[in-house]
Protein backbone atom coordinates (compact mmCIF):
# COMPACT_ATOMS: atom_id res chain seq x y z
CA MET A 1 0.00 0.00 0.00
CA PRO A 2 1.47 3.40 -0.95
CA LYS A 3 2.27 6.00 1.72
CA ALA A 4 0.26 9.18 1.98
CA LYS A 5 2.04 12.00 0.21
CA GLY A 6 1.15 14.65 2.78
CA LYS A 7 3.37 13.19 5.53
CA SER A 8 6.66 13.09 3.68
CA ARG A 9 6.12 16.27 1.71
CA ARG A 10 8.25 19.23 2.78
CA LYS A 11 6.34 22.01 4.58
CA LYS A 12 6.44 25.32 2.71
CA TYR A 13 6.41 28.70 4.41
CA ASP A 14 3.25 30.69 3.83
CA TYR A 15 4.40 34.18 2.82
CA LYS A 16 0.85 35.53 2.44
CA SER A 17 -0.14 35.20 6.10
CA ASP A 18 0.91 37.73 8.73
CA ARG A 19 2.27 35.74 11.66
CA LYS A 20 2.01 38.67 14.07
CA LYS A 21 -1.72 39.08 13.35
CA LEU A 22 -2.29 35.34 13.63
CA LYS A 23 -0.56 35.22 17.02
CA ARG A 24 -2.59 38.21 18.28
CA LYS A 25 -5.82 36.59 17.10
CA MET A 26 -4.90 33.30 18.76
CA LEU A 27 -4.01 35.03 22.05
CA LYS A 28 -7.30 36.97 21.98
CA LYS A 29 -9.29 33.75 21.51
CA THR A 30 -7.48 31.85 24.25
CA ALA A 31 -7.62 34.68 26.83
CA PRO A 32 -10.75 34.55 29.00
CA ARG A 33 -13.29 37.34 28.64
CA ILE A 34 -13.53 39.40 31.84
CA GLU A 35 -17.22 40.21 32.39
CA CYS A 36 -16.73 42.95 35.01
CA THR A 37 -16.03 46.23 33.20
CA GLN A 38 -14.10 47.84 36.06
CA ILE A 39 -11.71 44.90 36.37
CA ARG A 40 -11.35 44.62 32.58
CA LYS A 41 -10.31 48.30 32.31
CA ALA A 42 -7.72 48.03 35.09
CA TRP A 43 -6.30 44.67 33.93
CA ASN A 44 -2.66 44.54 32.90
CA ILE A 45 -1.93 41.58 30.60
CA LYS A 46 1.76 41.62 31.50
CA LYS A 47 1.04 40.80 35.17
CA THR A 48 -0.21 37.59 36.71
CA VAL A 49 -3.76 37.16 37.97
CA ALA A 50 -2.65 37.42 41.60
CA GLN A 51 -0.63 40.58 40.92
CA ASN A 52 -3.51 42.24 39.02
CA LEU A 53 -6.04 41.47 41.72
CA ALA A 54 -3.64 42.57 44.48
CA ASP A 55 -3.12 45.91 42.69
CA MET A 56 -6.89 46.40 42.70
CA GLY A 57 -7.21 45.43 46.36
CA LEU A 58 -9.05 42.19 45.59
CA ALA A 59 -8.18 38.73 46.82
CA SER A 60 -7.08 36.10 44.34
CA ASP A 61 -7.44 33.38 46.98
CA PRO A 62 -10.01 33.89 49.74
CA ASN A 63 -8.19 31.37 51.95
CA HIS A 64 -5.22 33.74 52.10
CA ALA A 65 -7.25 36.95 52.35
CA ILE A 66 -9.30 36.06 55.43
CA PRO A 67 -7.12 35.54 58.49
CA ILE A 68 -7.09 32.01 59.85
CA LYS A 69 -7.55 31.59 63.62
CA ASN A 70 -4.32 29.63 63.97
CA ASN A 71 -1.01 31.37 64.56
CA LYS A 72 -0.17 30.89 60.92
CA GLN A 73 -1.52 33.95 59.20
CA MET A 74 -1.12 34.28 55.47
CA LYS A 75 -1.53 37.59 53.71
CA MET A 76 -2.10 38.66 50.13
CA GLU A 77 0.99 39.56 48.24
CA THR A 78 0.70 43.26 47.50
CA ALA A 79 2.96 46.22 47.33
CA SER A 80 3.78 47.19 50.89
CA LYS A 81 5.19 50.36 52.32
CA ASP A 82 6.34 50.54 55.95
CA GLY A 83 4.70 47.17 56.63
CA LYS A 84 1.28 48.40 55.49
CA GLN A 85 -0.57 47.10 52.48
CA VAL A 86 -0.73 49.58 49.59
CA ILE A 87 -3.47 49.28 47.00
CA ILE A 88 -2.21 50.66 43.72
CA LYS A 89 -5.60 50.84 41.95
CA PRO A 90 -8.19 51.77 44.63
CA TYR A 91 -10.66 53.14 42.09
CA VAL A 92 -11.59 49.57 41.10
CA ILE A 93 -12.87 48.79 44.59
CA LYS A 94 -14.76 52.11 44.76
CA GLU A 95 -16.47 51.43 41.42
CA LEU A 96 -17.38 47.87 42.45
CA GLU A 97 -18.82 49.08 45.77
CA ALA A 98 -20.82 51.80 44.00
CA GLU A 99 -22.23 49.26 41.55
CA ALA A 100 -23.07 46.83 44.37
CA SER A 101 -24.87 49.54 46.37
CA LEU A 102 -27.29 50.32 43.51
CA PRO A 103 -30.79 48.90 44.07
CA GLU A 104 -31.63 45.82 42.05
CA VAL A 105 -34.06 46.54 39.22
CA LYS A 106 -36.68 43.89 38.58
CA ASN A 107 -37.38 43.49 34.88
CA THR A 108 -39.90 40.69 35.22
CA THR A 109 -43.22 41.18 33.49
CA LEU A 110 -46.05 39.18 31.96
CA SER A 111 -46.52 38.64 28.26
CA LYS A 112 -48.84 40.93 26.32
CA GLU A 113 -50.92 37.91 25.31
CA LEU A 114 -51.49 36.87 28.95
CA ILE A 115 -52.38 40.43 29.99
CA ASP A 116 -54.96 40.69 27.17
CA PHE A 117 -56.37 37.26 28.09
CA VAL A 118 -56.80 38.15 31.77
CA ARG A 119 -58.34 41.56 31.02
CA HIS A 120 -60.84 39.97 28.59
CA MET A 121 -61.83 37.30 31.09
CA VAL A 122 -62.24 39.67 34.03
CA GLU A 123 -64.20 42.21 31.98
CA ASN A 124 -66.62 39.60 30.66
CA TYR A 125 -66.93 37.10 33.52
CA LYS A 126 -65.75 38.96 36.67
CA ASP A 127 -64.99 35.96 38.94
CA ASN A 128 -66.87 33.11 37.23
CA TYR A 129 -63.92 30.80 36.45
CA LYS A 130 -66.05 27.97 35.03
CA ALA A 131 -67.51 30.31 32.42
CA MET A 132 -64.00 31.57 31.65
CA ALA A 133 -62.85 28.01 30.98
CA ARG A 134 -65.64 27.63 28.37
CA ASP A 135 -64.85 30.93 26.62
CA GLU A 136 -63.68 30.71 23.00
CA ARG A 137 -60.64 32.89 23.79
CA ASN A 138 -59.34 30.14 26.09
CA TYR A 139 -57.10 28.77 23.31
CA TYR A 140 -54.93 26.66 25.58
CA GLN A 141 -57.99 25.06 27.22
CA ASP A 142 -56.97 26.15 30.69
CA THR A 143 -58.94 24.73 33.58
CA PRO A 144 -60.76 27.10 35.97
CA ASN A 145 -57.93 26.75 38.51
CA GLN A 146 -55.28 27.56 35.89
CA ILE A 147 -57.21 30.68 34.88
CA LYS A 148 -57.54 31.62 38.55
CA ASN A 149 -53.74 31.31 38.93
CA LYS A 150 -53.16 33.48 35.84
CA ILE A 151 -55.44 36.17 37.23
CA ALA A 152 -53.64 35.94 40.60
CA SER A 153 -50.26 36.43 38.88
CA TYR A 154 -51.70 39.45 37.02
CA LYS A 155 -52.83 40.84 40.40
CA ARG A 156 -49.30 40.39 41.80
CA PHE A 157 -47.53 42.09 38.87
CA TYR A 158 -50.05 44.87 38.21
CA PRO A 159 -52.12 45.50 41.36
CA SER A 160 -53.09 49.07 40.45
CA GLU A 161 -54.21 48.10 36.93
CA TYR A 162 -56.21 45.17 38.31
CA ASN A 163 -57.97 47.43 40.81
CA ALA A 164 -58.73 49.96 38.04
CA LEU A 165 -60.18 47.08 36.00
CA VAL A 166 -62.32 45.62 38.80
CA THR A 167 -63.73 48.79 40.46
CA PRO A 168 -65.98 49.87 37.53
CA LEU A 169 -67.30 46.31 37.30
CA GLN A 170 -68.17 46.30 41.00
CA GLU A 171 -69.89 49.68 40.69
CA LYS A 172 -72.05 48.33 37.87
CA MET A 173 -73.05 45.38 40.08
CA ASP A 174 -73.89 47.75 42.97
CA LEU A 175 -76.15 49.87 40.74
CA SER A 176 -78.06 46.83 39.47
């Protein structure tokens, strides 16, 4: 059986490709993406992970950062002056603390389709869940309990809108 020609063939240098660009592209792909913008801006690629984090005042290893109760106390390796720890890039910690102190914004909401469904059912049937289950707009053939749960979730997400929807209906019933 003949040998494959590719193995013994001499490798030729590719003059068309830019080796510097290829190396940069390869390094960019292999380097991990830092999600935190403050850390990414302050990162120095020529330093190690521990050195970068120590410059920012962050711990690379929490076991070394928090003092252990034994006599053996290990400390983070950072630049030190007169025996005191010096943080070279303190603005990173300040930005992280400012971001952490912001209140959490809830972006949860209900779908437009579900909101329309609940409004239609409440406007037409008030609190008669069995009639709601037989309505032609009940495409997913929800049971009365499932419809009740959907209305309850609408009440939780939009209490003011639900009250505005129900109060005119109750006034109509009171007048009758």
